[in-house]
Amino acid sequence: MGKLYVVPTPIGNLKDITLRAIDTLKKVDLILAEDTRTSGKLLQHYEIATHMQSHHMHNEHKSIDSLIRRLQSGDIIALISDAGTPAISDPGFLLTRACIENAIEVECLPGATAFVPALVNSGLPNDRFVFEGFLPIKKGRQTRMKELAEESRTMVFYESPHKLVKTLTQFADYFGEDRPVSVSRELTKMYEETIRGTTSDVLAHFTKNPPKGELVLVVGGKK
């Protein structure tokens, strides 16, 4: 029986990878990558010659059975995403679940995940929090907003740059204009920044300064 390693990769700065992750990626039989072009740069940087295969949201349902057969035959496989820890708002859950259902060992290495530094940077309570990932795009979005308006824990969201202003506007509508918000952008990269304030303050900032790059939103809970 083989084994699946879930391996976090840097969210920006290539130095944010563990020695253990590098060693694992070098010794496995196959690396499953969300985008082989993106991951190829990381592997080339660390002189990792292991063969890669695409594994993303558009093909993971079709490839699960063949990957399980390979693992059952003894292959050691590593799963990575473009950035951060696989299965956290990225492909990975389906394969991990299938491995567990088939009694195949799964080991997740510790490593980079974007929401952790954003949460700590926010200055908002982090002893208890809820990770929401990406909000529904259309169906169920308003319902989820209404539910979250009553959430007392700090909330963490991922959002794309072109939807940020819309999402902040909805936060102001559903949570109130005075609810504390922190938006971290381009974490670990050259232009990293964190903007903190009320929903109205942060909305005004990004309305005037259209954002670029990866975004993590941290919102204070209802008092």
N, C-alpha and C. Protein backbone atom coordinates (compact mmCIF):
# COMPACT_ATOMS: atom_id res chain seq x y z
N MET A 1 0.85 -1.20 0.00
CA MET A 1 0.00 0.00 0.00
C MET A 1 0.88 1.24 0.00
N GLY A 2 0.52 2.21 -0.83
CA GLY A 2 1.28 3.45 -0.90
C GLY A 2 0.85 4.44 0.15
N LYS A 3 1.12 5.71 -0.12
CA LYS A 3 0.83 6.76 0.86
C LYS A 3 0.65 8.09 0.14
N LEU A 4 -0.26 8.91 0.67
CA LEU A 4 -0.46 10.25 0.12
C LEU A 4 0.10 11.28 1.10
N TYR A 5 0.97 12.14 0.60
CA TYR A 5 1.46 13.27 1.37
C TYR A 5 0.75 14.53 0.88
N VAL A 6 0.19 15.29 1.79
CA VAL A 6 -0.39 16.60 1.46
C VAL A 6 0.65 17.63 1.87
N VAL A 7 1.18 18.35 0.88
CA VAL A 7 2.36 19.20 1.12
C VAL A 7 2.04 20.68 0.86
N PRO A 8 2.07 21.52 1.89
CA PRO A 8 1.88 22.96 1.69
C PRO A 8 3.05 23.56 0.92
N THR A 9 2.74 24.55 0.10
CA THR A 9 3.78 25.27 -0.64
C THR A 9 3.66 26.77 -0.33
N PRO A 10 4.69 27.55 -0.61
CA PRO A 10 4.67 28.98 -0.27
C PRO A 10 3.48 29.71 -0.88
N ILE A 11 2.96 30.71 -0.16
CA ILE A 11 1.86 31.51 -0.69
C ILE A 11 2.39 32.71 -1.47
N GLY A 12 3.68 32.88 -1.50
CA GLY A 12 4.28 33.99 -2.23
C GLY A 12 5.80 33.89 -2.23
N ASN A 13 6.38 34.08 -1.07
CA ASN A 13 7.83 34.03 -0.93
C ASN A 13 8.31 32.59 -1.00
N LEU A 14 9.17 32.28 -1.98
CA LEU A 14 9.62 30.90 -2.18
C LEU A 14 10.40 30.34 -1.00
N LYS A 15 10.89 31.22 -0.12
CA LYS A 15 11.64 30.74 1.04
C LYS A 15 10.73 30.14 2.12
N ASP A 16 9.44 30.37 1.99
CA ASP A 16 8.50 29.88 2.99
C ASP A 16 8.08 28.44 2.71
N ILE A 17 9.04 27.57 2.59
CA ILE A 17 8.78 26.14 2.43
C ILE A 17 9.70 25.42 3.40
N THR A 18 9.22 24.34 3.98
CA THR A 18 10.02 23.65 4.98
C THR A 18 11.03 22.70 4.31
N LEU A 19 12.09 22.40 5.04
CA LEU A 19 13.08 21.44 4.55
C LEU A 19 12.43 20.07 4.35
N ARG A 20 11.50 19.74 5.23
CA ARG A 20 10.80 18.47 5.13
C ARG A 20 9.95 18.40 3.87
N ALA A 21 9.32 19.51 3.51
CA ALA A 21 8.50 19.54 2.30
C ALA A 21 9.37 19.31 1.07
N ILE A 22 10.52 19.95 1.02
CA ILE A 22 11.44 19.78 -0.11
C ILE A 22 11.88 18.33 -0.21
N ASP A 23 12.26 17.74 0.93
CA ASP A 23 12.71 16.35 0.96
C ASP A 23 11.60 15.41 0.50
N THR A 24 10.38 15.68 0.94
CA THR A 24 9.25 14.83 0.56
C THR A 24 8.99 14.90 -0.94
N LEU A 25 9.00 16.11 -1.49
CA LEU A 25 8.74 16.27 -2.92
C LEU A 25 9.81 15.62 -3.79
N LYS A 26 11.00 15.50 -3.25
CA LYS A 26 12.09 14.86 -4.00
C LYS A 26 11.99 13.33 -3.99
N LYS A 27 11.41 12.78 -2.94
CA LYS A 27 11.45 11.32 -2.79
C LYS A 27 10.19 10.61 -3.27
N VAL A 28 9.07 11.34 -3.47
CA VAL A 28 7.84 10.66 -3.89
C VAL A 28 7.91 10.22 -5.34
N ASP A 29 6.98 9.34 -5.72
CA ASP A 29 6.94 8.83 -7.10
C ASP A 29 6.25 9.80 -8.05
N LEU A 30 5.33 10.61 -7.50
CA LEU A 30 4.54 11.51 -8.34
C LEU A 30 4.09 12.71 -7.52
N ILE A 31 4.06 13.88 -8.16
CA ILE A 31 3.51 15.09 -7.54
C ILE A 31 2.25 15.49 -8.29
N LEU A 32 1.15 15.61 -7.57
CA LEU A 32 -0.08 16.11 -8.15
C LEU A 32 -0.13 17.61 -7.92
N ALA A 33 -0.20 18.39 -8.99
CA ALA A 33 -0.12 19.84 -8.90
C ALA A 33 -1.36 20.48 -9.50
N GLU A 34 -1.86 21.52 -8.85
CA GLU A 34 -3.02 22.24 -9.35
C GLU A 34 -2.74 22.82 -10.73
N ASP A 35 -1.59 23.46 -10.89
CA ASP A 35 -1.14 24.00 -12.17
C ASP A 35 0.34 23.66 -12.31
N THR A 36 0.67 22.78 -13.22
CA THR A 36 2.06 22.33 -13.35
C THR A 36 3.00 23.46 -13.76
N ARG A 37 2.48 24.46 -14.45
CA ARG A 37 3.33 25.59 -14.85
C ARG A 37 3.72 26.41 -13.63
N THR A 38 2.75 26.67 -12.75
CA THR A 38 3.03 27.44 -11.54
C THR A 38 3.96 26.65 -10.62
N SER A 39 3.63 25.39 -10.37
CA SER A 39 4.44 24.56 -9.47
C SER A 39 5.80 24.25 -10.07
N GLY A 40 5.88 24.26 -11.40
CA GLY A 40 7.16 23.98 -12.05
C GLY A 40 8.24 24.98 -11.65
N LYS A 41 7.84 26.22 -11.42
CA LYS A 41 8.81 27.24 -11.01
C LYS A 41 9.37 26.94 -9.63
N LEU A 42 8.50 26.48 -8.73
CA LEU A 42 8.95 26.12 -7.39
C LEU A 42 9.87 24.91 -7.43
N LEU A 43 9.47 23.89 -8.18
CA LEU A 43 10.28 22.67 -8.27
C LEU A 43 11.64 22.96 -8.91
N GLN A 44 11.64 23.80 -9.93
CA GLN A 44 12.91 24.15 -10.58
C GLN A 44 13.82 24.91 -9.62
N HIS A 45 13.24 25.80 -8.83
CA HIS A 45 14.01 26.59 -7.87
C HIS A 45 14.73 25.70 -6.87
N TYR A 46 14.07 24.62 -6.45
CA TYR A 46 14.65 23.73 -5.43
C TYR A 46 15.22 22.44 -6.04
N GLU A 47 15.38 22.44 -7.36
CA GLU A 47 15.99 21.32 -8.08
C GLU A 47 15.29 20.01 -7.78
N ILE A 48 13.96 20.04 -7.85
CA ILE A 48 13.14 18.86 -7.63
C ILE A 48 12.72 18.32 -9.00
N ALA A 49 13.15 17.11 -9.31
CA ALA A 49 12.94 16.56 -10.65
C ALA A 49 11.78 15.56 -10.71
N THR A 50 11.04 15.40 -9.66
CA THR A 50 9.93 14.45 -9.61
C THR A 50 8.88 14.78 -10.67
N HIS A 51 8.34 13.75 -11.30
CA HIS A 51 7.33 13.95 -12.33
C HIS A 51 6.06 14.57 -11.73
N MET A 52 5.45 15.50 -12.47
CA MET A 52 4.21 16.15 -12.05
C MET A 52 3.05 15.75 -12.94
N GLN A 53 1.86 15.79 -12.34
CA GLN A 53 0.62 15.54 -13.07
C GLN A 53 -0.42 16.53 -12.61
N SER A 54 -1.23 17.04 -13.54
CA SER A 54 -2.25 18.03 -13.18
C SER A 54 -3.34 17.40 -12.34
N HIS A 55 -3.73 18.11 -11.28
CA HIS A 55 -4.83 17.66 -10.43
C HIS A 55 -5.55 18.91 -9.94
N HIS A 56 -6.66 19.25 -10.60
CA HIS A 56 -7.37 20.49 -10.28
C HIS A 56 -8.87 20.24 -10.25
N MET A 57 -9.62 21.29 -9.95
CA MET A 57 -11.06 21.15 -9.72
C MET A 57 -11.82 20.65 -10.95
N HIS A 58 -11.22 20.79 -12.14
CA HIS A 58 -11.92 20.39 -13.35
C HIS A 58 -11.66 18.93 -13.73
N ASN A 59 -10.65 18.31 -13.13
CA ASN A 59 -10.38 16.91 -13.51
C ASN A 59 -10.28 15.95 -12.33
N GLU A 60 -10.37 16.49 -11.09
CA GLU A 60 -10.13 15.63 -9.94
C GLU A 60 -11.18 14.52 -9.81
N HIS A 61 -12.43 14.78 -10.18
CA HIS A 61 -13.45 13.74 -10.08
C HIS A 61 -13.13 12.55 -10.99
N LYS A 62 -12.58 12.84 -12.17
CA LYS A 62 -12.29 11.79 -13.14
C LYS A 62 -11.02 11.00 -12.80
N SER A 63 -10.10 11.61 -12.08
CA SER A 63 -8.80 10.97 -11.85
C SER A 63 -8.69 10.23 -10.52
N ILE A 64 -9.70 10.39 -9.64
CA ILE A 64 -9.62 9.79 -8.30
C ILE A 64 -9.39 8.29 -8.36
N ASP A 65 -10.17 7.57 -9.16
CA ASP A 65 -10.09 6.11 -9.20
C ASP A 65 -8.70 5.63 -9.63
N SER A 66 -8.14 6.26 -10.67
CA SER A 66 -6.83 5.83 -11.15
C SER A 66 -5.73 6.14 -10.13
N LEU A 67 -5.89 7.26 -9.42
CA LEU A 67 -4.90 7.60 -8.39
C LEU A 67 -4.98 6.64 -7.21
N ILE A 68 -6.19 6.25 -6.83
CA ILE A 68 -6.35 5.27 -5.75
C ILE A 68 -5.70 3.95 -6.14
N ARG A 69 -5.86 3.54 -7.40
CA ARG A 69 -5.24 2.28 -7.86
C ARG A 69 -3.72 2.38 -7.78
N ARG A 70 -3.17 3.52 -8.14
CA ARG A 70 -1.71 3.70 -8.06
C ARG A 70 -1.24 3.63 -6.61
N LEU A 71 -1.97 4.27 -5.72
CA LEU A 71 -1.61 4.24 -4.31
C LEU A 71 -1.74 2.82 -3.74
N GLN A 72 -2.76 2.11 -4.16
CA GLN A 72 -2.94 0.73 -3.70
C GLN A 72 -1.83 -0.19 -4.21
N SER A 73 -1.26 0.18 -5.34
CA SER A 73 -0.18 -0.64 -5.89
C SER A 73 1.18 -0.31 -5.27
N GLY A 74 1.21 0.71 -4.39
CA GLY A 74 2.46 1.00 -3.68
C GLY A 74 3.09 2.34 -3.98
N ASP A 75 2.53 3.13 -4.88
CA ASP A 75 3.11 4.44 -5.20
C ASP A 75 2.98 5.40 -4.02
N ILE A 76 3.99 6.25 -3.87
CA ILE A 76 3.98 7.33 -2.89
C ILE A 76 3.72 8.62 -3.66
N ILE A 77 2.66 9.32 -3.32
CA ILE A 77 2.24 10.49 -4.08
C ILE A 77 2.15 11.72 -3.17
N ALA A 78 2.58 12.86 -3.70
CA ALA A 78 2.45 14.13 -2.98
C ALA A 78 1.43 15.00 -3.69
N LEU A 79 0.61 15.66 -2.91
CA LEU A 79 -0.39 16.58 -3.45
C LEU A 79 -0.04 18.00 -3.05
N ILE A 80 0.06 18.89 -4.03
CA ILE A 80 0.33 20.31 -3.75
C ILE A 80 -0.68 21.16 -4.50
N SER A 81 -0.84 22.41 -4.07
CA SER A 81 -1.68 23.36 -4.78
C SER A 81 -0.79 24.50 -5.27
N ASP A 82 -1.39 25.47 -5.95
CA ASP A 82 -0.59 26.59 -6.44
C ASP A 82 0.08 27.35 -5.30
N ALA A 83 -0.60 27.44 -4.17
CA ALA A 83 -0.06 28.17 -3.02
C ALA A 83 -0.80 27.73 -1.76
N GLY A 84 -0.06 27.56 -0.68
CA GLY A 84 -0.69 27.22 0.59
C GLY A 84 -0.93 25.73 0.76
N THR A 85 -1.86 25.40 1.63
CA THR A 85 -2.15 24.01 1.97
C THR A 85 -3.28 23.47 1.11
N PRO A 86 -3.07 22.37 0.40
CA PRO A 86 -4.13 21.78 -0.41
C PRO A 86 -5.38 21.49 0.42
N ALA A 87 -6.53 21.57 -0.24
CA ALA A 87 -7.85 21.31 0.35
C ALA A 87 -8.41 22.49 1.12
N ILE A 88 -7.60 23.51 1.39
CA ILE A 88 -8.10 24.74 2.02
C ILE A 88 -8.47 25.70 0.89
N SER A 89 -9.72 25.69 0.47
CA SER A 89 -10.20 26.46 -0.69
C SER A 89 -9.41 26.11 -1.95
N ASP A 90 -8.93 24.90 -2.03
CA ASP A 90 -8.19 24.37 -3.17
C ASP A 90 -8.53 22.89 -3.31
N PRO A 91 -8.21 22.27 -4.47
CA PRO A 91 -8.44 20.83 -4.62
C PRO A 91 -7.67 20.04 -3.56
N GLY A 92 -8.20 18.88 -3.21
CA GLY A 92 -7.50 18.04 -2.24
C GLY A 92 -8.43 17.21 -1.37
N PHE A 93 -9.59 17.76 -1.06
CA PHE A 93 -10.52 17.07 -0.17
C PHE A 93 -10.97 15.73 -0.74
N LEU A 94 -11.35 15.70 -2.02
CA LEU A 94 -11.89 14.48 -2.62
C LEU A 94 -10.88 13.35 -2.59
N LEU A 95 -9.63 13.65 -2.92
CA LEU A 95 -8.60 12.61 -2.93
C LEU A 95 -8.29 12.15 -1.51
N THR A 96 -8.20 13.09 -0.59
CA THR A 96 -7.93 12.73 0.79
C THR A 96 -9.03 11.82 1.34
N ARG A 97 -10.27 12.17 1.07
CA ARG A 97 -11.40 11.36 1.53
C ARG A 97 -11.37 9.97 0.92
N ALA A 98 -11.06 9.90 -0.37
CA ALA A 98 -11.01 8.61 -1.05
C ALA A 98 -9.91 7.73 -0.48
N CYS A 99 -8.78 8.34 -0.12
CA CYS A 99 -7.68 7.57 0.49
C CYS A 99 -8.13 6.98 1.83
N ILE A 100 -8.77 7.79 2.64
CA ILE A 100 -9.23 7.34 3.96
C ILE A 100 -10.25 6.22 3.81
N GLU A 101 -11.15 6.36 2.83
CA GLU A 101 -12.17 5.32 2.60
C GLU A 101 -11.55 4.01 2.16
N ASN A 102 -10.36 4.08 1.53
CA ASN A 102 -9.68 2.89 1.04
C ASN A 102 -8.51 2.46 1.92
N ALA A 103 -8.48 2.99 3.14
CA ALA A 103 -7.45 2.62 4.13
C ALA A 103 -6.04 2.91 3.64
N ILE A 104 -5.90 3.99 2.86
CA ILE A 104 -4.58 4.43 2.40
C ILE A 104 -4.11 5.54 3.33
N GLU A 105 -2.88 5.44 3.80
CA GLU A 105 -2.36 6.42 4.76
C GLU A 105 -2.25 7.80 4.14
N VAL A 106 -2.66 8.80 4.89
CA VAL A 106 -2.55 10.19 4.47
C VAL A 106 -1.78 10.94 5.54
N GLU A 107 -0.79 11.72 5.11
CA GLU A 107 -0.02 12.54 6.05
C GLU A 107 0.04 13.97 5.52
N CYS A 108 -0.44 14.92 6.32
CA CYS A 108 -0.42 16.32 5.92
C CYS A 108 0.73 17.02 6.65
N LEU A 109 1.65 17.58 5.89
CA LEU A 109 2.77 18.31 6.48
C LEU A 109 2.30 19.70 6.93
N PRO A 110 2.88 20.25 7.98
CA PRO A 110 2.56 21.62 8.36
C PRO A 110 3.21 22.60 7.40
N GLY A 111 2.61 23.76 7.26
CA GLY A 111 3.20 24.74 6.36
C GLY A 111 2.29 25.93 6.11
N ALA A 112 2.59 26.63 5.04
CA ALA A 112 1.93 27.91 4.75
C ALA A 112 0.44 27.76 4.48
N THR A 113 -0.33 28.66 5.08
CA THR A 113 -1.76 28.83 4.83
C THR A 113 -2.06 30.32 4.98
N ALA A 114 -2.64 30.93 3.97
CA ALA A 114 -2.77 32.39 3.94
C ALA A 114 -3.58 32.97 5.09
N PHE A 115 -4.63 32.26 5.53
CA PHE A 115 -5.51 32.90 6.50
C PHE A 115 -4.89 33.05 7.89
N VAL A 116 -3.88 32.24 8.21
CA VAL A 116 -3.28 32.32 9.56
C VAL A 116 -2.54 33.64 9.78
N PRO A 117 -1.59 34.03 8.92
CA PRO A 117 -0.96 35.34 9.14
C PRO A 117 -1.92 36.50 9.02
N ALA A 118 -2.93 36.39 8.14
CA ALA A 118 -3.92 37.46 8.00
C ALA A 118 -4.73 37.61 9.29
N LEU A 119 -5.09 36.50 9.90
CA LEU A 119 -5.85 36.53 11.14
C LEU A 119 -5.04 37.15 12.27
N VAL A 120 -3.79 36.74 12.39
CA VAL A 120 -2.92 37.27 13.45
C VAL A 120 -2.63 38.75 13.21
N ASN A 121 -2.41 39.13 11.95
CA ASN A 121 -2.13 40.52 11.59
C ASN A 121 -3.31 41.45 11.85
N SER A 122 -4.51 40.90 11.85
CA SER A 122 -5.70 41.74 11.92
C SER A 122 -5.83 42.47 13.25
N GLY A 123 -5.31 41.88 14.31
CA GLY A 123 -5.49 42.46 15.63
C GLY A 123 -6.85 42.16 16.22
N LEU A 124 -7.67 41.36 15.51
CA LEU A 124 -8.99 40.97 16.00
C LEU A 124 -8.87 39.68 16.82
N PRO A 125 -9.82 39.41 17.71
CA PRO A 125 -9.73 38.21 18.55
C PRO A 125 -9.52 36.95 17.72
N ASN A 126 -8.53 36.14 18.09
CA ASN A 126 -8.26 34.92 17.33
C ASN A 126 -8.25 33.66 18.19
N ASP A 127 -8.74 33.80 19.44
CA ASP A 127 -8.84 32.60 20.27
C ASP A 127 -9.94 31.67 19.76
N ARG A 128 -10.96 32.26 19.13
CA ARG A 128 -11.99 31.50 18.45
C ARG A 128 -12.35 32.24 17.16
N PHE A 129 -12.40 31.50 16.08
CA PHE A 129 -12.73 32.13 14.79
C PHE A 129 -13.39 31.11 13.89
N VAL A 130 -14.00 31.59 12.81
CA VAL A 130 -14.64 30.71 11.83
C VAL A 130 -14.06 31.04 10.45
N PHE A 131 -13.63 30.00 9.74
CA PHE A 131 -13.08 30.17 8.40
C PHE A 131 -14.17 29.90 7.38
N GLU A 132 -14.51 30.92 6.59
CA GLU A 132 -15.59 30.80 5.61
C GLU A 132 -15.09 30.59 4.19
N GLY A 133 -13.80 30.81 3.93
CA GLY A 133 -13.30 30.67 2.58
C GLY A 133 -13.98 31.66 1.64
N PHE A 134 -14.31 31.21 0.42
CA PHE A 134 -15.01 32.06 -0.54
C PHE A 134 -16.52 31.99 -0.30
N LEU A 135 -17.16 33.13 -0.24
CA LEU A 135 -18.62 33.18 -0.11
C LEU A 135 -19.27 32.67 -1.40
N PRO A 136 -20.51 32.17 -1.31
CA PRO A 136 -21.22 31.78 -2.54
C PRO A 136 -21.27 32.96 -3.51
N ILE A 137 -21.11 32.68 -4.78
CA ILE A 137 -21.08 33.77 -5.77
C ILE A 137 -22.47 34.38 -5.96
N LYS A 138 -23.49 33.54 -6.13
CA LYS A 138 -24.85 34.04 -6.34
C LYS A 138 -25.84 33.32 -5.42
N LYS A 139 -26.14 32.08 -5.74
CA LYS A 139 -27.13 31.33 -4.99
C LYS A 139 -26.70 31.13 -3.54
N GLY A 140 -27.53 31.58 -2.63
CA GLY A 140 -27.24 31.39 -1.22
C GLY A 140 -26.37 32.46 -0.58
N ARG A 141 -25.92 33.43 -1.36
CA ARG A 141 -25.02 34.44 -0.82
C ARG A 141 -25.73 35.33 0.22
N GLN A 142 -26.91 35.84 -0.12
CA GLN A 142 -27.64 36.69 0.81
C GLN A 142 -28.03 35.94 2.08
N THR A 143 -28.43 34.70 1.92
CA THR A 143 -28.79 33.88 3.07
C THR A 143 -27.60 33.69 3.99
N ARG A 144 -26.43 33.44 3.40
CA ARG A 144 -25.23 33.24 4.22
C ARG A 144 -24.84 34.53 4.93
N MET A 145 -24.97 35.66 4.25
CA MET A 145 -24.66 36.95 4.86
C MET A 145 -25.55 37.21 6.08
N LYS A 146 -26.83 36.90 5.95
CA LYS A 146 -27.76 37.11 7.06
C LYS A 146 -27.39 36.22 8.25
N GLU A 147 -26.98 35.00 7.96
CA GLU A 147 -26.58 34.08 9.02
C GLU A 147 -25.31 34.57 9.72
N LEU A 148 -24.35 35.02 8.93
CA LEU A 148 -23.07 35.46 9.48
C LEU A 148 -23.19 36.78 10.24
N ALA A 149 -24.23 37.55 9.97
CA ALA A 149 -24.43 38.81 10.69
C ALA A 149 -24.61 38.57 12.18
N GLU A 150 -25.02 37.36 12.56
CA GLU A 150 -25.22 37.02 13.97
C GLU A 150 -24.03 36.28 14.57
N GLU A 151 -22.99 36.02 13.76
CA GLU A 151 -21.81 35.27 14.23
C GLU A 151 -21.00 36.12 15.20
N SER A 152 -20.71 35.57 16.38
CA SER A 152 -19.97 36.32 17.40
C SER A 152 -18.46 36.11 17.31
N ARG A 153 -18.04 35.07 16.60
CA ARG A 153 -16.60 34.82 16.45
C ARG A 153 -16.02 35.64 15.30
N THR A 154 -14.72 35.85 15.31
CA THR A 154 -14.05 36.50 14.19
C THR A 154 -14.20 35.62 12.95
N MET A 155 -14.46 36.25 11.80
CA MET A 155 -14.69 35.52 10.56
C MET A 155 -13.57 35.78 9.56
N VAL A 156 -13.18 34.74 8.83
CA VAL A 156 -12.10 34.85 7.85
C VAL A 156 -12.64 34.44 6.48
N PHE A 157 -12.37 35.28 5.47
CA PHE A 157 -12.83 35.03 4.11
C PHE A 157 -11.68 35.16 3.12
N TYR A 158 -11.81 34.46 2.01
CA TYR A 158 -10.95 34.69 0.85
C TYR A 158 -11.80 35.45 -0.18
N GLU A 159 -11.16 36.34 -0.93
CA GLU A 159 -11.89 37.06 -1.97
C GLU A 159 -10.96 37.45 -3.12
N SER A 160 -11.52 37.54 -4.32
CA SER A 160 -10.75 37.96 -5.49
C SER A 160 -10.78 39.48 -5.59
N PRO A 161 -9.77 40.09 -6.21
CA PRO A 161 -9.68 41.55 -6.26
C PRO A 161 -10.90 42.23 -6.89
N HIS A 162 -11.42 41.66 -7.97
CA HIS A 162 -12.53 42.33 -8.67
C HIS A 162 -13.87 42.22 -7.94
N LYS A 163 -13.92 41.41 -6.89
CA LYS A 163 -15.16 41.28 -6.11
C LYS A 163 -15.05 41.93 -4.73
N LEU A 164 -13.88 42.46 -4.40
CA LEU A 164 -13.66 42.95 -3.04
C LEU A 164 -14.60 44.09 -2.68
N VAL A 165 -14.73 45.09 -3.53
CA VAL A 165 -15.57 46.25 -3.22
C VAL A 165 -17.03 45.82 -3.03
N LYS A 166 -17.51 44.90 -3.88
CA LYS A 166 -18.87 44.39 -3.74
C LYS A 166 -19.06 43.69 -2.39
N THR A 167 -18.08 42.87 -2.03
CA THR A 167 -18.17 42.12 -0.77
C THR A 167 -18.12 43.05 0.43
N LEU A 168 -17.24 44.05 0.40
CA LEU A 168 -17.18 45.01 1.50
C LEU A 168 -18.47 45.82 1.61
N THR A 169 -19.06 46.15 0.47
CA THR A 169 -20.35 46.85 0.47
C THR A 169 -21.41 46.00 1.15
N GLN A 170 -21.42 44.71 0.85
CA GLN A 170 -22.38 43.81 1.48
C GLN A 170 -22.09 43.64 2.97
N PHE A 171 -20.81 43.62 3.35
CA PHE A 171 -20.47 43.55 4.77
C PHE A 171 -21.07 44.75 5.50
N ALA A 172 -20.92 45.94 4.89
CA ALA A 172 -21.47 47.15 5.51
C ALA A 172 -22.98 47.07 5.63
N ASP A 173 -23.63 46.50 4.61
CA ASP A 173 -25.09 46.39 4.62
C ASP A 173 -25.59 45.39 5.66
N TYR A 174 -24.93 44.23 5.73
CA TYR A 174 -25.41 43.15 6.59
C TYR A 174 -24.82 43.19 8.00
N PHE A 175 -23.55 43.61 8.11
CA PHE A 175 -22.88 43.59 9.42
C PHE A 175 -22.87 44.96 10.09
N GLY A 176 -23.06 46.00 9.30
CA GLY A 176 -23.00 47.36 9.82
C GLY A 176 -21.73 48.07 9.40
N GLU A 177 -21.81 49.38 9.22
CA GLU A 177 -20.67 50.16 8.73
C GLU A 177 -19.54 50.28 9.76
N ASP A 178 -19.84 50.01 11.01
CA ASP A 178 -18.83 50.16 12.06
C ASP A 178 -18.16 48.84 12.45
N ARG A 179 -18.50 47.75 11.78
CA ARG A 179 -17.90 46.45 12.11
C ARG A 179 -16.41 46.48 11.74
N PRO A 180 -15.50 46.07 12.63
CA PRO A 180 -14.07 46.09 12.30
C PRO A 180 -13.71 45.07 11.23
N VAL A 181 -12.88 45.51 10.30
CA VAL A 181 -12.46 44.67 9.18
C VAL A 181 -10.96 44.86 8.95
N SER A 182 -10.30 43.78 8.56
CA SER A 182 -8.89 43.84 8.19
C SER A 182 -8.73 43.10 6.87
N VAL A 183 -8.10 43.74 5.90
CA VAL A 183 -7.87 43.12 4.59
C VAL A 183 -6.36 43.02 4.36
N SER A 184 -5.88 41.78 4.23
CA SER A 184 -4.46 41.55 3.95
C SER A 184 -4.31 41.18 2.48
N ARG A 185 -3.35 41.83 1.85
CA ARG A 185 -3.15 41.66 0.40
C ARG A 185 -1.72 41.24 0.11
N GLU A 186 -1.55 40.28 -0.82
CA GLU A 186 -0.23 39.87 -1.28
C GLU A 186 0.68 39.44 -0.12
N LEU A 187 0.16 38.64 0.77
CA LEU A 187 0.93 38.18 1.93
C LEU A 187 2.24 37.51 1.51
N THR A 188 3.30 37.86 2.21
CA THR A 188 4.69 37.37 2.04
C THR A 188 5.37 37.90 0.79
N LYS A 189 4.67 38.70 -0.02
CA LYS A 189 5.25 39.21 -1.26
C LYS A 189 5.75 40.64 -1.07
N MET A 190 6.37 41.17 -2.10
CA MET A 190 7.01 42.48 -2.04
C MET A 190 6.04 43.59 -1.65
N TYR A 191 4.82 43.54 -2.18
CA TYR A 191 3.86 44.62 -1.94
C TYR A 191 2.81 44.24 -0.90
N GLU A 192 3.18 43.40 0.04
CA GLU A 192 2.26 43.00 1.10
C GLU A 192 1.77 44.21 1.88
N GLU A 193 0.47 44.22 2.17
CA GLU A 193 -0.08 45.29 3.01
C GLU A 193 -1.33 44.79 3.71
N THR A 194 -1.63 45.40 4.85
CA THR A 194 -2.85 45.10 5.58
C THR A 194 -3.55 46.41 5.89
N ILE A 195 -4.80 46.52 5.48
CA ILE A 195 -5.62 47.71 5.71
C ILE A 195 -6.66 47.36 6.78
N ARG A 196 -6.67 48.13 7.86
CA ARG A 196 -7.60 47.86 8.97
C ARG A 196 -8.50 49.07 9.20
N GLY A 197 -9.70 48.81 9.70
CA GLY A 197 -10.62 49.89 10.02
C GLY A 197 -12.04 49.37 10.09
N THR A 198 -13.00 50.27 10.05
CA THR A 198 -14.40 49.85 9.97
C THR A 198 -14.71 49.42 8.54
N THR A 199 -15.84 48.77 8.36
CA THR A 199 -16.21 48.38 7.00
C THR A 199 -16.28 49.58 6.07
N SER A 200 -16.81 50.70 6.56
CA SER A 200 -16.93 51.89 5.72
C SER A 200 -15.55 52.47 5.40
N ASP A 201 -14.64 52.46 6.36
CA ASP A 201 -13.27 52.96 6.14
C ASP A 201 -12.54 52.13 5.09
N VAL A 202 -12.59 50.82 5.27
CA VAL A 202 -11.87 49.93 4.36
C VAL A 202 -12.50 49.94 2.98
N LEU A 203 -13.83 50.04 2.92
CA LEU A 203 -14.52 50.14 1.64
C LEU A 203 -14.10 51.40 0.90
N ALA A 204 -14.03 52.51 1.61
CA ALA A 204 -13.61 53.78 0.99
C ALA A 204 -12.20 53.68 0.45
N HIS A 205 -11.32 53.01 1.21
CA HIS A 205 -9.92 52.87 0.76
C HIS A 205 -9.83 52.10 -0.54
N PHE A 206 -10.51 50.96 -0.62
CA PHE A 206 -10.37 50.11 -1.81
C PHE A 206 -11.23 50.60 -2.97
N THR A 207 -12.22 51.44 -2.69
CA THR A 207 -12.95 52.08 -3.78
C THR A 207 -12.04 53.08 -4.48
N LYS A 208 -11.22 53.75 -3.69
CA LYS A 208 -10.27 54.73 -4.24
C LYS A 208 -9.03 54.05 -4.79
N ASN A 209 -8.63 52.93 -4.19
CA ASN A 209 -7.41 52.21 -4.59
C ASN A 209 -7.77 50.78 -4.96
N PRO A 210 -8.16 50.54 -6.22
CA PRO A 210 -8.57 49.19 -6.64
C PRO A 210 -7.47 48.17 -6.31
N PRO A 211 -7.84 47.07 -5.64
CA PRO A 211 -6.84 46.11 -5.18
C PRO A 211 -6.33 45.19 -6.27
N LYS A 212 -5.15 44.65 -6.04
CA LYS A 212 -4.58 43.62 -6.91
C LYS A 212 -4.05 42.51 -6.01
N GLY A 213 -3.94 41.31 -6.56
CA GLY A 213 -3.33 40.23 -5.82
C GLY A 213 -4.30 39.43 -4.97
N GLU A 214 -3.74 38.48 -4.23
CA GLU A 214 -4.54 37.60 -3.37
C GLU A 214 -4.98 38.35 -2.13
N LEU A 215 -6.23 38.08 -1.69
CA LEU A 215 -6.80 38.84 -0.57
C LEU A 215 -7.37 37.92 0.51
N VAL A 216 -7.16 38.30 1.77
CA VAL A 216 -7.79 37.62 2.90
C VAL A 216 -8.50 38.69 3.73
N LEU A 217 -9.79 38.47 3.99
CA LEU A 217 -10.59 39.42 4.77
C LEU A 217 -10.86 38.83 6.16
N VAL A 218 -10.63 39.63 7.17
CA VAL A 218 -10.91 39.22 8.55
C VAL A 218 -11.92 40.21 9.12
N VAL A 219 -13.02 39.69 9.64
CA VAL A 219 -14.13 40.54 10.11
C VAL A 219 -14.44 40.22 11.57
N GLY A 220 -14.56 41.25 12.38
CA GLY A 220 -14.91 41.05 13.77
C GLY A 220 -16.31 40.49 13.92
N GLY A 221 -16.53 39.69 14.95
CA GLY A 221 -17.84 39.12 15.19
C GLY A 221 -18.79 40.12 15.82
N LYS A 222 -20.06 39.75 15.87
CA LYS A 222 -21.07 40.61 16.46
C LYS A 222 -20.89 40.67 17.97
N LYS A 223 -20.93 41.87 18.53
CA LYS A 223 -20.76 42.02 19.97
C LYS A 223 -22.10 41.88 20.67
